[in-house]
Amino acid sequence: MGMCLPCLSGAEDEVVVTPDPETRRRQLADAAEKRQKETTHRGIKNPEALERKKKKQEDVEKEAMTSVPSGGGGLKWQVG
């Protein structure tokens, strides 16, 4: 005779062990971070290049702001 309950044959191999709460929390955080990154870069072919370009633009703007002399650097109007 065979097994009387064929659906239980090899059932030990299919048991899913749930991870401890800390591991599960870490997995959920990683998954959320991955989803956020995918949403942020949706439609962008090369997100790293875009980040470099943004960083470079910010550096150029910051340099332009610091190189402008403060006070007395404008036009002077004479009345009279």
Protein backbone atom coordinates (compact mmCIF):
# COMPACT_ATOMS: atom_id res chain seq x y z
CA MET A 1 0.00 0.00 0.00
CA GLY A 2 1.06 3.55 -0.61
CA MET A 3 0.76 6.53 1.58
CA CYS A 4 -2.76 7.12 2.76
CA LEU A 5 -2.34 10.92 2.66
CA PRO A 6 -0.31 11.85 -0.44
CA CYS A 7 -0.67 15.55 0.23
CA LEU A 8 1.45 15.19 3.38
CA SER A 9 4.37 13.43 1.73
CA GLY A 10 7.40 15.72 1.93
CA ALA A 11 5.48 18.28 3.98
CA GLU A 12 8.52 18.92 6.19
CA ASP A 13 10.39 20.33 3.18
CA GLU A 14 7.67 22.89 2.46
CA VAL A 15 7.42 24.36 5.95
CA VAL A 16 8.20 28.09 5.92
CA VAL A 17 10.06 29.27 8.98
CA THR A 18 9.26 32.86 9.89
CA PRO A 19 12.31 34.93 10.84
CA ASP A 20 12.66 36.59 14.21
CA PRO A 21 11.09 40.07 14.56
CA GLU A 22 14.40 41.95 14.19
CA THR A 23 15.26 40.15 10.94
CA ARG A 24 11.74 40.69 9.64
CA ARG A 25 11.92 44.40 10.51
CA ARG A 26 15.22 44.70 8.65
CA GLN A 27 13.78 42.92 5.61
CA LEU A 28 10.75 45.22 5.57
CA ALA A 29 12.98 48.30 5.88
CA ASP A 30 15.17 47.11 3.00
CA ALA A 31 12.11 46.44 0.85
CA ALA A 32 10.68 49.88 1.62
CA GLU A 33 13.99 51.55 0.75
CA LYS A 34 14.15 49.64 -2.52
CA ARG A 35 10.59 50.65 -3.43
CA GLN A 36 11.34 54.29 -2.61
CA LYS A 37 14.49 54.24 -4.76
CA GLU A 38 12.59 52.66 -7.67
CA THR A 39 9.84 55.28 -7.38
CA THR A 40 12.35 58.11 -7.24
CA HIS A 41 14.20 56.92 -10.33
CA ARG A 42 11.18 55.83 -12.37
CA GLY A 43 11.66 56.80 -16.01
CA ILE A 44 15.34 57.70 -15.57
CA LYS A 45 17.75 55.55 -17.56
CA ASN A 46 20.87 56.40 -15.57
CA PRO A 47 20.03 57.63 -12.04
CA GLU A 48 23.69 57.84 -10.99
CA ALA A 49 24.48 60.24 -13.84
CA LEU A 50 21.49 62.36 -12.89
CA GLU A 51 22.66 62.55 -9.27
CA ARG A 52 26.16 63.59 -10.40
CA LYS A 53 24.66 66.26 -12.67
CA LYS A 54 22.48 67.64 -9.85
CA LYS A 55 25.45 67.68 -7.48
CA LYS A 56 27.59 69.50 -10.03
CA GLN A 57 24.82 72.07 -10.64
CA GLU A 58 24.48 72.68 -6.90
CA ASP A 59 28.25 73.15 -6.60
CA VAL A 60 28.23 75.67 -9.48
CA GLU A 61 25.37 77.60 -7.88
CA LYS A 62 27.09 77.57 -4.49
CA GLU A 63 30.33 78.82 -6.07
CA ALA A 64 28.44 81.62 -7.85
CA MET A 65 26.83 82.68 -4.57
CA THR A 66 30.14 82.82 -2.71
CA SER A 67 32.03 84.64 -5.47
CA VAL A 68 29.58 87.60 -5.60
CA PRO A 69 31.00 90.41 -3.46
CA SER A 70 28.63 91.41 -0.71
CA GLY A 71 27.61 95.06 -0.22
CA GLY A 72 28.66 97.97 -2.43
CA GLY A 73 28.94 95.85 -5.53
CA GLY A 74 25.98 97.36 -7.36
CA LEU A 75 25.39 100.44 -9.50
CA LYS A 76 25.58 103.82 -7.84
CA TRP A 77 23.14 106.54 -8.76
CA GLN A 78 24.06 110.16 -8.45
CA VAL A 79 21.35 112.62 -7.67
CA GLY A 80 21.90 116.10 -8.75
